[in-house]
Amino acid sequence: MQYIVPTSIGDSMLVSSSVPETDYGEWFAGAVYAADQYVIRSSMHSVYKRVVAGNTTTPPEQDAINWVRVGPTNRWAMFDRVVGTKTAATAPALDQDAVITVTLKPGLVRGLALLDLDVDGLTVEMVASGETVYRRDLDPLGSLEDVDNWWDYFFDAIKRRNLLVLTDLPPYADAEITLTFRGRGAISIGSCIVGRAYSLGNVLVNASTGITDYSVKSRDEFGAVTLAERPFNKRMSLPIILDTAQVDAFVSRLSAVRATPVVWIASTTKSSLVIYGFYKDWSITIPGRVKSTLSMEIEGLV
């Protein structure tokens, strides 16, 4: 069992991005704006919408009466650590791939999680002191985790993995990490999370996973059912065995992330056992001097 504590990506850590920050026109003090007109504040990496027509010299982030924040700009959506926002790009021509390339310098990190992916392939490369110290070419289309028979293998629609996690990045504090995403048509990345990776011991075989569905199912007086599809979030219950000598360290680490969404990784090969969220509850049973058991209930943001 591992988890990644996200590092907050700021301007100094984003070395470069191929995604322009030109979603809308830049806000200009004193300009007259129509109701529902959109602008960006590149200094805030945010998109704002005008509530009522008019002009003010107060920046949108300080003027909640006339402006409402819509969300991050396209360039920064993948780094805002919020579920539901995406950085997207479209292929320039039918015979060309869409490509997004970003270079980060996040400091000492060991883990990388890419969530809500819609790409055909990607490359992760780490360069330290001019030398390539890590490189992985990953293919979300190569996953067969949703295929359990030959009919589906040959005739079912191709399914992409929508998340990928790595916990083996080498520990270079001054390294630059370049991520290159590729795909036909349109591609998008929901969340790019880098941070320190920690181990919590070994997950026992009777782990469980599932979802909580917020869709509404209602039945009228004649028995007809109406379904209103709404979001759902993942959840899992994990029994973990750990060394009794490390109990105090684990208590300290888990307490430190009690109000922080992190990436929980019970398996690097099964997407259903990777959740970006928080723990609802945990407890440690200490039956002896050698081994102890940690029980966790984890709930996803989505």
C-alpha atoms as a PDB file:
ATOM      1  CA  MET A   1       0.000   0.000   0.000  1.00  0.00           C
ATOM      2  CA  GLN A   2       1.365   3.389  -1.011  1.00  0.00           C
ATOM      3  CA  TYR A   3       0.089   6.920  -1.137  1.00  0.00           C
ATOM      4  CA  ILE A   4       1.222  10.124  -2.850  1.00  0.00           C
ATOM      5  CA  VAL A   5       0.965  13.443  -1.021  1.00  0.00           C
ATOM      6  CA  PRO A   6       0.512  16.125  -3.716  1.00  0.00           C
ATOM      7  CA  THR A   7       3.008  18.934  -4.183  1.00  0.00           C
ATOM      8  CA  SER A   8       1.325  22.236  -4.999  1.00  0.00           C
ATOM      9  CA  ILE A   9       2.508  23.271  -8.479  1.00  0.00           C
ATOM     10  CA  GLY A  10       3.173  26.996  -8.704  1.00  0.00           C
ATOM     11  CA  ASP A  11       4.629  29.304 -11.332  1.00  0.00           C
ATOM     12  CA  SER A  12       8.212  28.544 -10.356  1.00  0.00           C
ATOM     13  CA  MET A  13       7.646  24.787 -10.790  1.00  0.00           C
ATOM     14  CA  LEU A  14       5.995  24.902 -14.214  1.00  0.00           C
ATOM     15  CA  VAL A  15       9.043  25.352 -16.422  1.00  0.00           C
ATOM     16  CA  SER A  16       7.107  25.204 -19.700  1.00  0.00           C
ATOM     17  CA  SER A  17       3.821  24.139 -21.241  1.00  0.00           C
ATOM     18  CA  SER A  18       2.730  23.762 -24.855  1.00  0.00           C
ATOM     19  CA  VAL A  19      -0.805  24.808 -23.851  1.00  0.00           C
ATOM     20  CA  PRO A  20      -1.247  28.566 -24.342  1.00  0.00           C
ATOM     21  CA  GLU A  21      -2.964  30.606 -21.660  1.00  0.00           C
ATOM     22  CA  THR A  22      -5.262  32.356 -24.115  1.00  0.00           C
ATOM     23  CA  ASP A  23      -8.694  30.918 -23.293  1.00  0.00           C
ATOM     24  CA  TYR A  24     -10.249  34.410 -23.474  1.00  0.00           C
ATOM     25  CA  GLY A  25      -9.047  37.984 -23.609  1.00  0.00           C
ATOM     26  CA  GLU A  26      -7.064  39.317 -20.660  1.00  0.00           C
ATOM     27  CA  TRP A  27      -9.032  41.484 -18.232  1.00  0.00           C
ATOM     28  CA  PHE A  28      -8.265  45.169 -18.718  1.00  0.00           C
ATOM     29  CA  ALA A  29      -8.946  47.799 -16.051  1.00  0.00           C
ATOM     30  CA  GLY A  30     -11.570  50.312 -17.141  1.00  0.00           C
ATOM     31  CA  ALA A  31     -12.823  48.317 -20.143  1.00  0.00           C
ATOM     32  CA  VAL A  32     -16.582  47.935 -20.588  1.00  0.00           C
ATOM     33  CA  TYR A  33     -17.781  44.325 -20.391  1.00  0.00           C
ATOM     34  CA  ALA A  34     -21.112  42.811 -21.334  1.00  0.00           C
ATOM     35  CA  ALA A  35     -23.028  40.525 -19.008  1.00  0.00           C
ATOM     36  CA  ASP A  36     -21.825  36.893 -19.254  1.00  0.00           C
ATOM     37  CA  GLN A  37     -18.602  37.944 -20.981  1.00  0.00           C
ATOM     38  CA  TYR A  38     -15.547  35.864 -20.116  1.00  0.00           C
ATOM     39  CA  VAL A  39     -12.021  37.061 -19.390  1.00  0.00           C
ATOM     40  CA  ILE A  40      -8.867  35.543 -17.957  1.00  0.00           C
ATOM     41  CA  ARG A  41      -6.477  36.740 -15.302  1.00  0.00           C
ATOM     42  CA  SER A  42      -3.216  35.059 -16.290  1.00  0.00           C
ATOM     43  CA  SER A  43      -1.601  36.204 -13.043  1.00  0.00           C
ATOM     44  CA  MET A  44      -4.272  34.187 -11.189  1.00  0.00           C
ATOM     45  CA  HIS A  45      -4.472  31.453 -13.868  1.00  0.00           C
ATOM     46  CA  SER A  46      -8.245  31.806 -13.697  1.00  0.00           C
ATOM     47  CA  VAL A  47     -11.263  32.394 -15.953  1.00  0.00           C
ATOM     48  CA  TYR A  48     -13.929  34.879 -14.804  1.00  0.00           C
ATOM     49  CA  LYS A  49     -17.435  35.696 -16.039  1.00  0.00           C
ATOM     50  CA  ARG A  50     -19.037  39.123 -15.838  1.00  0.00           C
ATOM     51  CA  VAL A  51     -22.271  39.132 -13.808  1.00  0.00           C
ATOM     52  CA  VAL A  52     -23.705  42.464 -14.996  1.00  0.00           C
ATOM     53  CA  ALA A  53     -22.655  44.775 -17.802  1.00  0.00           C
ATOM     54  CA  GLY A  54     -20.363  47.666 -16.911  1.00  0.00           C
ATOM     55  CA  ASN A  55     -16.807  48.612 -16.146  1.00  0.00           C
ATOM     56  CA  THR A  56     -14.741  48.645 -12.977  1.00  0.00           C
ATOM     57  CA  THR A  57     -11.080  49.079 -12.202  1.00  0.00           C
ATOM     58  CA  THR A  58     -11.140  46.410  -9.477  1.00  0.00           C
ATOM     59  CA  PRO A  59      -9.599  43.082 -10.566  1.00  0.00           C
ATOM     60  CA  PRO A  60     -12.145  40.237 -10.873  1.00  0.00           C
ATOM     61  CA  GLU A  61     -10.594  38.220  -8.032  1.00  0.00           C
ATOM     62  CA  GLN A  62     -11.331  41.172  -5.715  1.00  0.00           C
ATOM     63  CA  ASP A  63     -14.779  41.997  -7.111  1.00  0.00           C
ATOM     64  CA  ALA A  64     -17.262  39.248  -6.227  1.00  0.00           C
ATOM     65  CA  ILE A  65     -20.206  41.553  -7.008  1.00  0.00           C
ATOM     66  CA  ASN A  66     -19.456  41.952 -10.701  1.00  0.00           C
ATOM     67  CA  TRP A  67     -17.377  38.849 -11.466  1.00  0.00           C
ATOM     68  CA  VAL A  68     -17.584  35.135 -10.709  1.00  0.00           C
ATOM     69  CA  ARG A  69     -14.671  32.737 -11.040  1.00  0.00           C
ATOM     70  CA  VAL A  70     -15.492  29.991 -13.530  1.00  0.00           C
ATOM     71  CA  GLY A  71     -12.380  27.876 -13.026  1.00  0.00           C
ATOM     72  CA  PRO A  72      -8.721  27.565 -13.966  1.00  0.00           C
ATOM     73  CA  THR A  73      -7.315  28.392 -17.368  1.00  0.00           C
ATOM     74  CA  ASN A  74      -6.794  25.480 -19.721  1.00  0.00           C
ATOM     75  CA  ARG A  75      -3.034  25.417 -19.109  1.00  0.00           C
ATOM     76  CA  TRP A  76      -3.417  25.150 -15.338  1.00  0.00           C
ATOM     77  CA  ALA A  77      -6.513  22.942 -15.063  1.00  0.00           C
ATOM     78  CA  MET A  78      -4.420  19.769 -14.782  1.00  0.00           C
ATOM     79  CA  PHE A  79      -2.543  21.180 -11.789  1.00  0.00           C
ATOM     80  CA  ASP A  80      -5.389  22.631  -9.700  1.00  0.00           C
ATOM     81  CA  ARG A  81      -5.969  19.334  -7.789  1.00  0.00           C
ATOM     82  CA  VAL A  82      -9.725  19.741  -8.302  1.00  0.00           C
ATOM     83  CA  VAL A  83     -11.805  16.933  -9.754  1.00  0.00           C
ATOM     84  CA  GLY A  84     -13.759  17.845 -12.898  1.00  0.00           C
ATOM     85  CA  THR A  85     -11.398  20.341 -14.530  1.00  0.00           C
ATOM     86  CA  LYS A  86      -9.247  19.294 -17.509  1.00  0.00           C
ATOM     87  CA  THR A  87      -6.414  20.538 -19.659  1.00  0.00           C
ATOM     88  CA  ALA A  88      -7.313  19.775 -23.278  1.00  0.00           C
ATOM     89  CA  ALA A  89      -5.850  20.065 -26.754  1.00  0.00           C
ATOM     90  CA  THR A  90      -7.078  19.288 -30.267  1.00  0.00           C
ATOM     91  CA  ALA A  91      -5.063  17.962 -33.202  1.00  0.00           C
ATOM     92  CA  PRO A  92      -4.171  20.728 -35.678  1.00  0.00           C
ATOM     93  CA  ALA A  93      -5.163  18.531 -38.637  1.00  0.00           C
ATOM     94  CA  LEU A  94      -6.946  15.235 -39.274  1.00  0.00           C
ATOM     95  CA  ASP A  95      -3.709  13.445 -40.127  1.00  0.00           C
ATOM     96  CA  GLN A  96      -1.831  14.765 -37.083  1.00  0.00           C
ATOM     97  CA  ASP A  97      -1.811  13.920 -33.380  1.00  0.00           C
ATOM     98  CA  ALA A  98      -2.796  16.259 -30.624  1.00  0.00           C
ATOM     99  CA  VAL A  99       0.192  16.794 -28.319  1.00  0.00           C
ATOM    100  CA  ILE A 100       0.513  18.355 -24.879  1.00  0.00           C
ATOM    101  CA  THR A 101       4.006  18.767 -23.436  1.00  0.00           C
ATOM    102  CA  VAL A 102       4.702  20.128 -19.965  1.00  0.00           C
ATOM    103  CA  THR A 103       7.962  20.361 -18.028  1.00  0.00           C
ATOM    104  CA  LEU A 104       7.946  20.537 -14.243  1.00  0.00           C
ATOM    105  CA  LYS A 105      10.621  21.166 -11.646  1.00  0.00           C
ATOM    106  CA  PRO A 106       8.784  20.115  -8.461  1.00  0.00           C
ATOM    107  CA  GLY A 107      11.728  19.331  -6.208  1.00  0.00           C
ATOM    108  CA  LEU A 108      12.193  15.968  -4.529  1.00  0.00           C
ATOM    109  CA  VAL A 109       9.279  13.723  -5.525  1.00  0.00           C
ATOM    110  CA  ARG A 110       8.876   9.974  -5.912  1.00  0.00           C
ATOM    111  CA  GLY A 111       5.288   9.628  -7.119  1.00  0.00           C
ATOM    112  CA  LEU A 112       3.312  10.686 -10.184  1.00  0.00           C
ATOM    113  CA  ALA A 113      -0.422  10.176 -10.680  1.00  0.00           C
ATOM    114  CA  LEU A 114      -2.253  11.062 -13.893  1.00  0.00           C
ATOM    115  CA  LEU A 115      -6.016  10.961 -13.393  1.00  0.00           C
ATOM    116  CA  ASP A 116      -9.026  11.267 -15.671  1.00  0.00           C
ATOM    117  CA  LEU A 117      -6.858  10.701 -18.726  1.00  0.00           C
ATOM    118  CA  ASP A 118      -8.068  10.644 -22.310  1.00  0.00           C
ATOM    119  CA  VAL A 119      -4.891  10.091 -24.351  1.00  0.00           C
ATOM    120  CA  ASP A 120      -3.486   7.409 -26.628  1.00  0.00           C
ATOM    121  CA  GLY A 121       0.022   7.443 -25.203  1.00  0.00           C
ATOM    122  CA  LEU A 122       2.433   9.390 -23.042  1.00  0.00           C
ATOM    123  CA  THR A 123       6.099   9.659 -22.159  1.00  0.00           C
ATOM    124  CA  VAL A 124       7.563  10.504 -18.752  1.00  0.00           C
ATOM    125  CA  GLU A 125      11.167  11.690 -18.778  1.00  0.00           C
ATOM    126  CA  MET A 126      13.286  13.004 -15.906  1.00  0.00           C
ATOM    127  CA  VAL A 127      16.500  14.917 -16.547  1.00  0.00           C
ATOM    128  CA  ALA A 128      18.987  15.843 -13.805  1.00  0.00           C
ATOM    129  CA  SER A 129      22.210  17.786 -14.454  1.00  0.00           C
ATOM    130  CA  GLY A 130      21.736  17.340 -18.194  1.00  0.00           C
ATOM    131  CA  GLU A 131      21.425  13.548 -17.957  1.00  0.00           C
ATOM    132  CA  THR A 132      18.284  11.491 -18.511  1.00  0.00           C
ATOM    133  CA  VAL A 133      17.851   9.507 -15.282  1.00  0.00           C
ATOM    134  CA  TYR A 134      14.362   8.123 -15.898  1.00  0.00           C
ATOM    135  CA  ARG A 135      12.140   7.472 -18.906  1.00  0.00           C
ATOM    136  CA  ARG A 136       8.899   5.573 -19.340  1.00  0.00           C
ATOM    137  CA  ASP A 137       6.758   5.229 -22.450  1.00  0.00           C
ATOM    138  CA  LEU A 138       3.228   4.360 -21.362  1.00  0.00           C
ATOM    139  CA  ASP A 139       0.282   3.197 -23.441  1.00  0.00           C
ATOM    140  CA  PRO A 140      -3.162   3.492 -21.807  1.00  0.00           C
ATOM    141  CA  LEU A 141      -4.627   1.629 -24.796  1.00  0.00           C
ATOM    142  CA  GLY A 142      -2.522  -1.397 -23.926  1.00  0.00           C
ATOM    143  CA  SER A 143      -4.550  -2.239 -20.824  1.00  0.00           C
ATOM    144  CA  LEU A 144      -6.677  -5.403 -20.905  1.00  0.00           C
ATOM    145  CA  GLU A 145      -8.065  -4.982 -17.403  1.00  0.00           C
ATOM    146  CA  ASP A 146     -11.645  -4.660 -18.744  1.00  0.00           C
ATOM    147  CA  VAL A 147     -11.389  -7.716 -21.023  1.00  0.00           C
ATOM    148  CA  ASP A 148     -12.246 -11.156 -19.636  1.00  0.00           C
ATOM    149  CA  ASN A 149     -13.092 -13.148 -22.793  1.00  0.00           C
ATOM    150  CA  TRP A 150     -12.024 -13.502 -26.425  1.00  0.00           C
ATOM    151  CA  TRP A 151     -15.204 -11.968 -27.836  1.00  0.00           C
ATOM    152  CA  ASP A 152     -14.572  -8.686 -25.990  1.00  0.00           C
ATOM    153  CA  TYR A 153     -10.902  -8.835 -26.958  1.00  0.00           C
ATOM    154  CA  PHE A 154     -11.686  -8.904 -30.687  1.00  0.00           C
ATOM    155  CA  PHE A 155     -15.016  -7.073 -30.981  1.00  0.00           C
ATOM    156  CA  ASP A 156     -15.609  -4.813 -27.985  1.00  0.00           C
ATOM    157  CA  ALA A 157     -14.739  -1.116 -28.198  1.00  0.00           C
ATOM    158  CA  ILE A 158     -11.202  -0.262 -27.147  1.00  0.00           C
ATOM    159  CA  LYS A 159     -11.106   1.016 -23.577  1.00  0.00           C
ATOM    160  CA  ARG A 160      -8.432   3.357 -22.339  1.00  0.00           C
ATOM    161  CA  ARG A 161      -7.175   3.333 -18.786  1.00  0.00           C
ATOM    162  CA  ASN A 162      -8.199   6.666 -17.377  1.00  0.00           C
ATOM    163  CA  LEU A 163      -5.429   6.768 -14.777  1.00  0.00           C
ATOM    164  CA  LEU A 164      -1.772   5.875 -14.467  1.00  0.00           C
ATOM    165  CA  VAL A 165       0.446   5.947 -11.380  1.00  0.00           C
ATOM    166  CA  LEU A 166       4.207   5.722 -10.892  1.00  0.00           C
ATOM    167  CA  THR A 167       5.965   5.484  -7.540  1.00  0.00           C
ATOM    168  CA  ASP A 168       9.512   4.801  -8.696  1.00  0.00           C
ATOM    169  CA  LEU A 169      10.763   8.245  -9.747  1.00  0.00           C
ATOM    170  CA  PRO A 170      14.419   8.599  -8.720  1.00  0.00           C
ATOM    171  CA  PRO A 171      15.058  11.080  -5.876  1.00  0.00           C
ATOM    172  CA  TYR A 172      16.684  14.083  -7.593  1.00  0.00           C
ATOM    173  CA  ALA A 173      15.832  17.398  -5.948  1.00  0.00           C
ATOM    174  CA  ASP A 174      16.844  19.502  -8.974  1.00  0.00           C
ATOM    175  CA  ALA A 175      15.448  17.308 -11.764  1.00  0.00           C
ATOM    176  CA  GLU A 176      13.040  18.425 -14.484  1.00  0.00           C
ATOM    177  CA  ILE A 177      10.165  16.108 -15.369  1.00  0.00           C
ATOM    178  CA  THR A 178       8.790  16.324 -18.907  1.00  0.00           C
ATOM    179  CA  LEU A 179       5.404  14.796 -19.672  1.00  0.00           C
ATOM    180  CA  THR A 180       4.351  14.355 -23.290  1.00  0.00           C
ATOM    181  CA  PHE A 181       0.756  13.332 -24.011  1.00  0.00           C
ATOM    182  CA  ARG A 182      -0.360  12.207 -27.487  1.00  0.00           C
ATOM    183  CA  GLY A 183      -3.583  11.189 -29.148  1.00  0.00           C
ATOM    184  CA  ARG A 184      -5.773  11.396 -32.227  1.00  0.00           C
ATOM    185  CA  GLY A 185      -8.421  14.094 -32.341  1.00  0.00           C
ATOM    186  CA  ALA A 186      -8.815  15.608 -28.885  1.00  0.00           C
ATOM    187  CA  ILE A 187      -6.907  14.683 -25.729  1.00  0.00           C
ATOM    188  CA  SER A 188      -7.269  15.771 -22.115  1.00  0.00           C
ATOM    189  CA  ILE A 189      -5.735  15.345 -18.665  1.00  0.00           C
ATOM    190  CA  GLY A 190      -7.858  15.810 -15.566  1.00  0.00           C
ATOM    191  CA  SER A 191      -5.208  15.869 -12.850  1.00  0.00           C
ATOM    192  CA  CYS A 192      -1.425  15.693 -12.849  1.00  0.00           C
ATOM    193  CA  ILE A 193      -0.269  15.026  -9.302  1.00  0.00           C
ATOM    194  CA  VAL A 194       3.368  14.776  -8.263  1.00  0.00           C
ATOM    195  CA  GLY A 195       4.604  14.401  -4.738  1.00  0.00           C
ATOM    196  CA  ARG A 196       6.338  12.292  -2.166  1.00  0.00           C
ATOM    197  CA  ALA A 197       5.329   8.642  -2.044  1.00  0.00           C
ATOM    198  CA  TYR A 198       5.009   6.742   1.224  1.00  0.00           C
ATOM    199  CA  SER A 199       4.479   3.067   1.989  1.00  0.00           C
ATOM    200  CA  LEU A 200       1.950   1.760   4.496  1.00  0.00           C
ATOM    201  CA  GLY A 201       2.746  -1.940   4.425  1.00  0.00           C
ATOM    202  CA  ASN A 202       1.136  -4.804   2.498  1.00  0.00           C
ATOM    203  CA  VAL A 203      -2.546  -4.999   1.616  1.00  0.00           C
ATOM    204  CA  LEU A 204      -4.126  -8.309   2.621  1.00  0.00           C
ATOM    205  CA  VAL A 205      -6.104 -10.379   0.121  1.00  0.00           C
ATOM    206  CA  ASN A 206      -9.587  -9.428   1.356  1.00  0.00           C
ATOM    207  CA  ALA A 207      -9.519  -5.770   0.308  1.00  0.00           C
ATOM    208  CA  SER A 208     -12.826  -4.447  -1.062  1.00  0.00           C
ATOM    209  CA  THR A 209     -13.712  -1.694  -3.495  1.00  0.00           C
ATOM    210  CA  GLY A 210     -16.893  -0.129  -4.856  1.00  0.00           C
ATOM    211  CA  ILE A 211     -18.696   3.129  -5.586  1.00  0.00           C
ATOM    212  CA  THR A 212     -21.271   5.371  -3.971  1.00  0.00           C
ATOM    213  CA  ASP A 213     -23.752   6.528  -6.614  1.00  0.00           C
ATOM    214  CA  TYR A 214     -25.511   9.893  -6.268  1.00  0.00           C
ATOM    215  CA  SER A 215     -27.897   9.335  -9.171  1.00  0.00           C
ATOM    216  CA  VAL A 216     -31.582   9.718  -8.342  1.00  0.00           C
ATOM    217  CA  LYS A 217     -33.998   6.843  -8.998  1.00  0.00           C
ATOM    218  CA  SER A 218     -37.632   7.766  -8.465  1.00  0.00           C
ATOM    219  CA  ARG A 219     -40.880   5.881  -9.146  1.00  0.00           C
ATOM    220  CA  ASP A 220     -44.176   7.655  -9.812  1.00  0.00           C
ATOM    221  CA  GLU A 221     -47.660   6.564  -8.682  1.00  0.00           C
ATOM    222  CA  PHE A 222     -48.012   4.298 -11.718  1.00  0.00           C
ATOM    223  CA  GLY A 223     -44.726   2.519 -11.092  1.00  0.00           C
ATOM    224  CA  ALA A 224     -42.737   4.176 -13.893  1.00  0.00           C
ATOM    225  CA  VAL A 225     -39.101   4.751 -12.972  1.00  0.00           C
ATOM    226  CA  THR A 226     -37.208   7.940 -13.755  1.00  0.00           C
ATOM    227  CA  LEU A 227     -33.405   7.898 -13.609  1.00  0.00           C
ATOM    228  CA  ALA A 228     -31.370  11.087 -13.229  1.00  0.00           C
ATOM    229  CA  GLU A 229     -27.690  10.318 -13.686  1.00  0.00           C
ATOM    230  CA  ARG A 230     -25.426  12.116 -11.249  1.00  0.00           C
ATOM    231  CA  PRO A 231     -21.767  11.736 -10.198  1.00  0.00           C
ATOM    232  CA  PHE A 232     -20.394   8.892  -8.137  1.00  0.00           C
ATOM    233  CA  ASN A 233     -17.290   8.457  -6.031  1.00  0.00           C
ATOM    234  CA  LYS A 234     -15.045   5.447  -5.520  1.00  0.00           C
ATOM    235  CA  ARG A 235     -14.435   3.871  -2.132  1.00  0.00           C
ATOM    236  CA  MET A 236     -12.405   0.998  -0.748  1.00  0.00           C
ATOM    237  CA  SER A 237     -11.787  -0.830   2.518  1.00  0.00           C
ATOM    238  CA  LEU A 238      -8.278  -2.080   3.156  1.00  0.00           C
ATOM    239  CA  PRO A 239      -6.777  -4.412   5.738  1.00  0.00           C
ATOM    240  CA  ILE A 240      -3.026  -3.740   5.792  1.00  0.00           C
ATOM    241  CA  ILE A 241      -0.305  -5.607   7.629  1.00  0.00           C
ATOM    242  CA  LEU A 242       2.618  -3.551   8.923  1.00  0.00           C
ATOM    243  CA  ASP A 243       5.560  -3.829  11.280  1.00  0.00           C
ATOM    244  CA  THR A 244       4.648  -3.083  14.872  1.00  0.00           C
ATOM    245  CA  ALA A 245       7.894  -1.130  15.239  1.00  0.00           C
ATOM    246  CA  GLN A 246       6.558   1.377  12.645  1.00  0.00           C
ATOM    247  CA  VAL A 247       3.173   2.000  14.241  1.00  0.00           C
ATOM    248  CA  ASP A 248       4.105   5.382  15.727  1.00  0.00           C
ATOM    249  CA  ALA A 249       5.507   6.589  12.387  1.00  0.00           C
ATOM    250  CA  PHE A 250       2.349   5.538  10.525  1.00  0.00           C
ATOM    251  CA  VAL A 251       0.085   7.201  13.098  1.00  0.00           C
ATOM    252  CA  SER A 252       2.030  10.437  12.653  1.00  0.00           C
ATOM    253  CA  ARG A 253       1.973  10.296   8.852  1.00  0.00           C
ATOM    254  CA  LEU A 254      -1.724   9.473   8.583  1.00  0.00           C
ATOM    255  CA  SER A 255      -2.638  12.188  11.079  1.00  0.00           C
ATOM    256  CA  ALA A 256      -0.739  14.714   8.953  1.00  0.00           C
ATOM    257  CA  VAL A 257      -2.989  14.084   5.905  1.00  0.00           C
ATOM    258  CA  ARG A 258      -6.302  13.944   7.775  1.00  0.00           C
ATOM    259  CA  ALA A 259      -7.631  16.941   5.785  1.00  0.00           C
ATOM    260  CA  THR A 260      -5.588  16.500   2.602  1.00  0.00           C
ATOM    261  CA  PRO A 261      -6.741  14.656  -0.532  1.00  0.00           C
ATOM    262  CA  VAL A 262      -3.992  12.220  -1.523  1.00  0.00           C
ATOM    263  CA  VAL A 263      -3.623   9.424  -4.064  1.00  0.00           C
ATOM    264  CA  TRP A 264      -4.119   6.054  -2.333  1.00  0.00           C
ATOM    265  CA  ILE A 265      -2.587   3.143  -4.248  1.00  0.00           C
ATOM    266  CA  ALA A 266      -3.558  -0.348  -3.144  1.00  0.00           C
ATOM    267  CA  SER A 267      -2.478  -1.766  -6.539  1.00  0.00           C
ATOM    268  CA  THR A 268      -0.557  -0.264  -9.447  1.00  0.00           C
ATOM    269  CA  THR A 269      -2.176  -2.700 -11.913  1.00  0.00           C
ATOM    270  CA  LYS A 270      -5.865  -2.339 -10.961  1.00  0.00           C
ATOM    271  CA  SER A 271      -7.467   1.074 -11.497  1.00  0.00           C
ATOM    272  CA  SER A 272     -10.295   0.225  -9.101  1.00  0.00           C
ATOM    273  CA  LEU A 273      -7.756   0.106  -6.251  1.00  0.00           C
ATOM    274  CA  VAL A 274      -6.362   3.591  -6.904  1.00  0.00           C
ATOM    275  CA  ILE A 275      -8.345   6.447  -5.363  1.00  0.00           C
ATOM    276  CA  TYR A 276      -7.735  10.171  -5.201  1.00  0.00           C
ATOM    277  CA  GLY A 277      -9.437  11.227  -2.007  1.00  0.00           C
ATOM    278  CA  PHE A 278      -9.294  10.988   1.756  1.00  0.00           C
ATOM    279  CA  TYR A 279      -9.661   8.427   4.492  1.00  0.00           C
ATOM    280  CA  LYS A 280     -12.939   8.370   6.390  1.00  0.00           C
ATOM    281  CA  ASP A 281     -11.545   6.315   9.218  1.00  0.00           C
ATOM    282  CA  TRP A 282      -8.617   4.138  10.202  1.00  0.00           C
ATOM    283  CA  SER A 283      -7.491   2.120  13.183  1.00  0.00           C
ATOM    284  CA  ILE A 284      -4.471   0.001  14.087  1.00  0.00           C
ATOM    285  CA  THR A 285      -4.681  -3.284  15.945  1.00  0.00           C
ATOM    286  CA  ILE A 286      -1.478  -4.365  17.700  1.00  0.00           C
ATOM    287  CA  PRO A 287      -1.738  -8.104  18.463  1.00  0.00           C
ATOM    288  CA  GLY A 288       1.979  -8.653  18.991  1.00  0.00           C
ATOM    289  CA  ARG A 289       5.489  -7.260  18.883  1.00  0.00           C
ATOM    290  CA  VAL A 290       6.236  -8.183  15.264  1.00  0.00           C
ATOM    291  CA  LYS A 291       3.186  -7.410  13.110  1.00  0.00           C
ATOM    292  CA  SER A 292       0.132  -5.179  13.423  1.00  0.00           C
ATOM    293  CA  THR A 293      -2.961  -4.586  11.289  1.00  0.00           C
ATOM    294  CA  LEU A 294      -4.151  -1.264   9.890  1.00  0.00           C
ATOM    295  CA  SER A 295      -7.791  -1.035   8.761  1.00  0.00           C
ATOM    296  CA  MET A 296      -8.684   1.890   6.472  1.00  0.00           C
ATOM    297  CA  GLU A 297     -11.858   3.228   4.892  1.00  0.00           C
ATOM    298  CA  ILE A 298     -11.024   5.462   1.919  1.00  0.00           C
ATOM    299  CA  GLU A 299     -13.438   7.632  -0.053  1.00  0.00           C
ATOM    300  CA  GLY A 300     -12.688   9.252  -3.396  1.00  0.00           C
ATOM    301  CA  LEU A 301     -13.385  12.815  -4.466  1.00  0.00           C
ATOM    302  CA  VAL A 302     -14.910  11.255  -7.569  1.00  0.00           C
END
